[in-house]
Amino acid sequence: MTRIYQLHRYKKYLEERYRKLVERANDYKYEDECKSDRSAFKAMRVLEKLNRVKYLDKDTSNAIM
């Protein structure tokens, strides 16, 4: 398994995780503020990682061309 393939797989995993956390934060918005805030915070951390991976992915795609 190549590193580029692993990078794409990790990116897909992070995107799915981010989507689920944002959805969970929106679901809990009116029921339990604490759970909503916790999910939103986790989503922000996942988004940070996702942005790093996207930067690396962009960098590797430029190196290949």
Protein backbone atom coordinates (compact mmCIF):
# COMPACT_ATOMS: atom_id res chain seq x y z
CA MET A 1 0.00 0.00 0.00
CA THR A 2 1.53 3.29 -1.05
CA ARG A 3 1.73 6.35 1.12
CA ILE A 4 -0.42 8.33 -1.29
CA TYR A 5 -3.16 5.71 -1.08
CA GLN A 6 -2.95 5.81 2.73
CA LEU A 7 -3.20 9.60 2.60
CA HIS A 8 -6.35 9.44 0.47
CA ARG A 9 -7.90 6.82 2.74
CA TYR A 10 -7.11 8.87 5.85
CA LYS A 11 -8.57 11.98 4.17
CA LYS A 12 -11.79 10.12 3.40
CA TYR A 13 -11.97 8.87 7.00
CA LEU A 14 -11.47 12.38 8.39
CA GLU A 15 -14.13 13.85 6.08
CA GLU A 16 -16.66 11.24 7.21
CA ARG A 17 -15.75 11.75 10.89
CA TYR A 18 -16.07 15.53 10.52
CA ARG A 19 -19.47 15.23 8.86
CA LYS A 20 -20.76 12.97 11.64
CA LEU A 21 -19.47 15.23 14.41
CA VAL A 22 -21.04 18.34 12.88
CA GLU A 23 -24.31 16.49 12.44
CA ARG A 24 -24.19 15.34 16.06
CA ALA A 25 -23.43 18.89 17.25
CA ASN A 26 -26.45 20.20 15.35
CA ASP A 27 -28.68 17.43 16.69
CA TYR A 28 -27.77 18.19 20.30
CA LYS A 29 -27.94 21.97 19.89
CA TYR A 30 -31.31 22.34 21.61
CA GLU A 31 -31.23 19.26 23.86
CA ASP A 32 -27.86 19.33 25.58
CA GLU A 33 -25.51 22.27 25.07
CA CYS A 34 -22.57 20.50 26.67
CA LYS A 35 -22.73 17.56 24.24
CA SER A 36 -23.20 19.95 21.34
CA ASP A 37 -20.15 22.01 22.33
CA ARG A 38 -18.04 18.90 22.84
CA SER A 39 -18.97 17.54 19.41
CA ALA A 40 -18.32 20.92 17.80
CA PHE A 41 -14.90 21.11 19.47
CA LYS A 42 -14.00 17.61 18.28
CA ALA A 43 -15.18 18.57 14.79
CA MET A 44 -12.89 21.60 14.83
CA ARG A 45 -9.94 19.40 15.78
CA VAL A 46 -10.76 16.92 13.01
CA LEU A 47 -11.08 19.81 10.55
CA GLU A 48 -7.58 20.97 11.53
CA LYS A 49 -6.21 17.51 10.74
CA LEU A 50 -8.21 17.40 7.52
CA ASN A 51 -6.74 20.72 6.38
CA ARG A 52 -3.23 19.42 7.04
CA VAL A 53 -3.93 16.28 5.04
CA LYS A 54 -5.42 18.30 2.19
CA TYR A 55 -2.28 20.44 2.13
CA LEU A 56 -0.09 17.34 1.97
CA ASP A 57 -2.30 15.84 -0.70
CA LYS A 58 -2.06 19.01 -2.78
CA ASP A 59 1.70 19.02 -2.28
CA THR A 60 2.06 15.38 -3.39
CA SER A 61 -0.16 15.86 -6.42
CA ASN A 62 2.04 18.78 -7.55
CA ALA A 63 5.18 16.68 -7.07
CA ILE A 64 3.80 13.86 -9.21
CA MET A 65 3.01 16.14 -12.16
